[in-house]
Amino acid sequence: MRLLLLFLDEPLPGQVMKEVEKTAGPEAAVRSYRAMIRVLLRQLSGLKDCRVRICYAPEDAEQAFRFWILPEIIDRPKVLLTPEDLDFVAQGPGPRPAQLEHHFAIAFEEGFEKVAAIGSECIEISARWINAAFSQLNGRHHGILGPTPGGRCHLLALADQMPSLFDRKLWEQPDLIAELLRHAELHDRSFYQLPALTELHTEADFNKALLGPLGTQLRKAVKELKDNGG
C-alpha cells in the first residue's frame, strides 16, 4: 500500500502565502492559497492504490481542516478522491525535516511500503507524477526526488526509512536536491530525480501560473472563492 503525505497550513492571514501578502494583502494571500489547494486536489485525482494523509498546522486545526477539505472533495465531481481516501494528522513540532522524518517513520511502522510527501506550493504536481514516483521505487531506486528549478525539493518518496536524510543541516543548503543526492550516494542509496516543477511563493509566481497550463482552473477557483466571500 502507498501513502501520500500532503502538508498544508490553515488558510489564515499571516499563515499562508506570506510573500503574496506583502504585495497584495492578506485577503488575496488567503484566497490564492485556497485556490491553489482546490486545483491541487483536482490534480491528485487518479492516484493508484494510494491513501492521502493531510498533515495540518496548527496543532488544533483538525476540525477546521475537515470543514475545509472534505467539501472540496465531496462537492466537486472532478476531484476523484473520497473522504475514505483521507485521514488527518497534525504536522507536529519542529522544522519541516523533523516533521518529515516523523511522518515517514510512522507510515512505515503502519505497514505502508511506499511513502511520498509533497507540500502546497507546487500545483503542477499531479497523480501522474506521484504514480510515476512510486513506480520508480522498484528495488533499483530507494528514493525519488522532485526538484524545483532553484534546487529545492517539492516531492520526496521513499521505499524504506532513512533517518539521516532528514538532517536539518542538509535541508538548510541552498541547493537542497544536490545535497540530498550526495547524501544518498554516500550511504549507498540510489535516488531517482524527476523533471523539475515550479513552486508558487510570490505574487509574480501566482500571476505567471494564471497564464500557464493550469491557469483556467486557477482563475476559476479564484473567481468562485471571491464570489463566495472566500
Protein backbone atom coordinates (compact mmCIF):
# COMPACT_ATOMS: atom_id res chain seq x y z
CA MET A 1 0.00 0.00 0.00
CA ARG A 2 1.09 3.55 -0.75
CA LEU A 3 0.73 6.75 1.24
CA LEU A 4 0.93 10.38 0.15
CA LEU A 5 1.69 12.90 2.89
CA LEU A 6 0.25 16.30 1.97
CA PHE A 7 1.50 19.15 4.18
CA LEU A 8 -0.99 22.03 4.42
CA ASP A 9 -1.39 25.13 6.57
CA GLU A 10 -4.67 26.59 7.74
CA PRO A 11 -5.63 29.37 5.30
CA LEU A 12 -5.48 32.32 7.66
CA PRO A 13 -3.86 35.77 7.27
CA GLY A 14 -0.21 35.65 8.21
CA GLN A 15 -0.06 31.85 7.91
CA VAL A 16 -0.03 31.25 4.15
CA MET A 17 1.48 32.84 1.03
CA LYS A 18 3.40 35.37 3.12
CA GLU A 19 5.21 36.83 0.12
CA VAL A 20 1.88 37.38 -1.64
CA GLU A 21 0.52 39.01 1.50
CA LYS A 22 3.39 41.53 1.44
CA THR A 23 2.44 42.81 -2.02
CA ALA A 24 -1.28 42.02 -2.42
CA GLY A 25 -2.59 41.93 1.13
CA PRO A 26 -3.85 39.20 3.47
CA GLU A 27 -7.19 38.61 1.74
CA ALA A 28 -5.53 37.98 -1.62
CA ALA A 29 -2.92 35.73 0.00
CA VAL A 30 -5.54 33.51 1.66
CA ARG A 31 -7.66 33.39 -1.50
CA SER A 32 -4.64 32.49 -3.60
CA TYR A 33 -3.74 29.67 -1.23
CA ARG A 34 -7.25 28.26 -1.14
CA ALA A 35 -7.41 28.39 -4.94
CA MET A 36 -4.09 26.56 -5.21
CA ILE A 37 -5.30 23.77 -2.91
CA ARG A 38 -8.54 23.45 -4.89
CA VAL A 39 -6.51 22.95 -8.05
CA LEU A 40 -4.03 20.65 -6.31
CA LEU A 41 -6.79 18.33 -5.03
CA ARG A 42 -8.09 18.01 -8.57
CA GLN A 43 -4.56 17.32 -9.77
CA LEU A 44 -4.31 14.44 -7.31
CA SER A 45 -7.28 12.63 -8.83
CA GLY A 46 -6.17 9.31 -10.26
CA LEU A 47 -3.77 8.18 -7.55
CA LYS A 48 -3.35 4.41 -7.73
CA ASP A 49 -3.62 2.28 -4.57
CA CYS A 50 -2.73 5.32 -2.50
CA ARG A 51 -4.06 6.80 0.71
CA VAL A 52 -3.74 10.56 1.31
CA ARG A 53 -2.78 11.88 4.73
CA ILE A 54 -3.36 15.59 5.32
CA CYS A 55 -0.62 16.82 7.65
CA TYR A 56 -2.05 20.05 9.01
CA ALA A 57 -0.89 23.03 11.02
CA PRO A 58 -1.54 24.41 13.56
CA GLU A 59 -1.97 21.56 16.01
CA ASP A 60 -5.54 22.42 17.00
CA ALA A 61 -6.88 22.83 13.45
CA GLU A 62 -8.19 19.34 12.68
CA GLN A 63 -11.86 20.31 12.64
CA ALA A 64 -11.12 23.42 10.61
CA PHE A 65 -9.34 21.27 8.05
CA ARG A 66 -12.17 18.75 7.89
CA PHE A 67 -14.69 21.54 7.32
CA TRP A 68 -12.42 22.97 4.59
CA ILE A 69 -11.01 19.95 2.76
CA LEU A 70 -13.88 17.45 2.83
CA PRO A 71 -16.35 19.75 1.00
CA GLU A 72 -13.62 20.47 -1.55
CA ILE A 73 -13.69 16.75 -2.30
CA ILE A 74 -17.35 15.87 -1.83
CA ASP A 75 -18.84 18.86 -3.67
CA ARG A 76 -16.54 18.75 -6.71
CA PRO A 77 -17.19 15.90 -9.16
CA LYS A 78 -13.86 16.42 -10.93
CA VAL A 79 -11.95 15.73 -7.71
CA LEU A 80 -11.73 11.94 -7.84
CA LEU A 81 -10.86 11.47 -4.20
CA THR A 82 -13.23 10.33 -1.48
CA PRO A 83 -13.34 11.02 2.26
CA GLU A 84 -12.46 7.36 2.76
CA ASP A 85 -9.15 8.01 0.97
CA LEU A 86 -8.08 10.61 3.55
CA ASP A 87 -7.01 10.93 7.12
CA PHE A 88 -5.87 13.97 9.07
CA VAL A 89 -2.90 14.29 11.43
CA ALA A 90 -1.07 17.28 12.87
CA GLN A 91 2.31 18.13 11.36
CA GLY A 92 3.84 18.12 14.81
CA PRO A 93 6.61 20.23 16.35
CA GLY A 94 9.93 21.20 14.87
CA PRO A 95 11.14 22.27 11.43
CA ARG A 96 9.96 20.54 8.27
CA PRO A 97 12.82 17.97 8.11
CA ALA A 98 11.93 16.73 11.62
CA GLN A 99 8.26 16.57 10.68
CA LEU A 100 9.08 14.59 7.55
CA GLU A 101 11.24 12.14 9.46
CA HIS A 102 8.47 11.59 11.99
CA HIS A 103 5.69 11.06 9.45
CA PHE A 104 7.75 8.80 7.18
CA ALA A 105 8.71 6.67 10.20
CA ILE A 106 5.10 6.39 11.37
CA ALA A 107 3.94 5.46 7.86
CA PHE A 108 6.46 2.65 7.52
CA GLU A 109 5.62 1.41 11.01
CA GLU A 110 1.96 1.27 9.93
CA GLY A 111 2.91 -1.02 7.08
CA PHE A 112 2.95 1.30 4.08
CA GLU A 113 5.50 0.06 1.55
CA LYS A 114 5.99 3.30 -0.39
CA VAL A 115 5.57 6.80 1.03
CA ALA A 116 5.72 10.20 -0.68
CA ALA A 117 5.46 13.73 0.69
CA ILE A 118 4.52 16.99 -1.00
CA GLY A 119 3.63 20.49 0.12
CA SER A 120 1.14 23.03 -1.14
CA GLU A 121 3.40 25.24 -3.24
CA CYS A 122 3.65 23.07 -6.38
CA ILE A 123 0.30 22.74 -8.12
CA GLU A 124 1.90 21.27 -11.25
CA ILE A 125 2.38 18.01 -9.38
CA SER A 126 -0.32 15.51 -10.29
CA ALA A 127 -1.41 11.94 -9.74
CA ARG A 128 0.57 11.01 -12.85
CA TRP A 129 3.80 12.35 -11.36
CA ILE A 130 3.21 10.70 -8.00
CA ASN A 131 2.26 7.37 -9.60
CA ALA A 132 5.46 7.62 -11.64
CA ALA A 133 7.49 8.31 -8.50
CA PHE A 134 6.04 5.26 -6.78
CA SER A 135 6.70 3.09 -9.84
CA GLN A 136 10.39 4.05 -9.72
CA LEU A 137 10.62 2.68 -6.16
CA ASN A 138 11.04 -0.73 -7.74
CA GLY A 139 14.03 -2.23 -5.98
CA ARG A 140 16.51 -0.37 -8.12
CA HIS A 141 15.84 3.02 -6.51
CA HIS A 142 15.48 3.68 -2.80
CA GLY A 143 14.19 7.24 -3.13
CA ILE A 144 12.68 9.73 -5.57
CA LEU A 145 13.28 13.49 -5.60
CA GLY A 146 11.12 16.11 -7.30
CA PRO A 147 13.25 19.22 -7.81
CA THR A 148 12.31 22.82 -8.45
CA PRO A 149 14.28 24.97 -10.94
CA GLY A 150 16.02 26.59 -7.95
CA GLY A 151 17.21 23.32 -6.48
CA ARG A 152 14.59 22.91 -3.77
CA CYS A 153 12.51 19.76 -3.27
CA HIS A 154 8.77 19.67 -3.98
CA LEU A 155 8.44 15.87 -3.68
CA LEU A 156 10.23 13.17 -1.72
CA ALA A 157 9.33 9.48 -1.99
CA LEU A 158 10.98 6.62 -0.11
CA ALA A 159 10.71 2.83 -0.06
CA ASP A 160 12.16 2.50 3.44
CA GLN A 161 13.31 4.59 6.37
CA MET A 162 16.42 6.74 6.04
CA PRO A 163 16.62 8.97 9.15
CA SER A 164 19.94 10.56 8.21
CA LEU A 165 18.30 12.09 5.14
CA PHE A 166 16.42 14.49 7.40
CA ASP A 167 19.47 16.09 8.99
CA ARG A 168 18.49 19.75 9.33
CA LYS A 169 21.88 20.91 8.02
CA LEU A 170 21.19 19.21 4.69
CA TRP A 171 17.86 20.98 4.33
CA GLU A 172 19.41 24.38 5.03
CA GLN A 173 21.67 24.18 1.97
CA PRO A 174 20.77 26.41 -1.00
CA ASP A 175 20.95 23.51 -3.48
CA LEU A 176 18.95 21.01 -1.46
CA ILE A 177 18.50 18.48 -4.27
CA ALA A 178 22.24 18.25 -4.89
CA GLU A 179 22.87 17.77 -1.16
CA LEU A 180 20.25 15.02 -0.89
CA LEU A 181 21.68 13.22 -3.92
CA ARG A 182 25.20 13.40 -2.48
CA HIS A 183 23.96 12.17 0.87
CA ALA A 184 22.13 9.24 -0.73
CA GLU A 185 25.21 8.24 -2.73
CA LEU A 186 27.37 8.45 0.40
CA HIS A 187 25.02 5.95 2.07
CA ASP A 188 24.87 3.63 -0.97
CA ARG A 189 21.29 4.55 -1.80
CA SER A 190 20.09 5.05 -5.35
CA PHE A 191 17.85 8.10 -5.81
CA TYR A 192 15.94 8.92 -8.99
CA GLN A 193 15.36 12.54 -9.94
CA LEU A 194 12.14 13.62 -11.66
CA PRO A 195 11.99 16.61 -14.03
CA ALA A 196 11.78 19.99 -12.32
CA LEU A 197 8.44 21.63 -11.49
CA THR A 198 7.88 25.17 -10.27
CA GLU A 199 6.55 26.31 -6.90
CA LEU A 200 4.38 29.35 -6.21
CA HIS A 201 5.57 31.67 -3.46
CA THR A 202 5.23 35.26 -4.69
CA GLU A 203 2.53 37.30 -6.41
CA ALA A 204 4.61 37.15 -9.58
CA ASP A 205 4.75 33.34 -9.35
CA PHE A 206 0.98 33.19 -8.94
CA ASN A 207 0.31 35.58 -11.83
CA LYS A 208 2.61 33.53 -14.05
CA ALA A 209 0.68 30.39 -13.12
CA LEU A 210 -2.55 32.13 -14.15
CA LEU A 211 -1.12 32.23 -17.68
CA GLY A 212 0.14 28.64 -17.62
CA PRO A 213 -1.47 25.25 -18.35
CA LEU A 214 -3.43 25.32 -15.08
CA GLY A 215 -4.41 28.97 -15.47
CA THR A 216 -8.02 28.30 -16.41
CA GLN A 217 -8.59 26.15 -13.33
CA LEU A 218 -6.75 28.60 -11.09
CA ARG A 219 -8.66 31.64 -12.39
CA LYS A 220 -11.97 29.80 -11.95
CA ALA A 221 -11.08 28.87 -8.37
CA VAL A 222 -10.10 32.45 -7.55
CA LYS A 223 -13.34 33.79 -9.01
CA GLU A 224 -15.51 31.25 -7.17
CA LEU A 225 -13.81 31.99 -3.88
CA LYS A 226 -14.09 35.75 -4.41
CA ASP A 227 -17.78 35.48 -5.36
CA ASN A 228 -18.43 33.40 -2.23
CA GLY A 229 -16.51 35.74 0.03
CA GLY A 230 -13.62 33.32 0.43
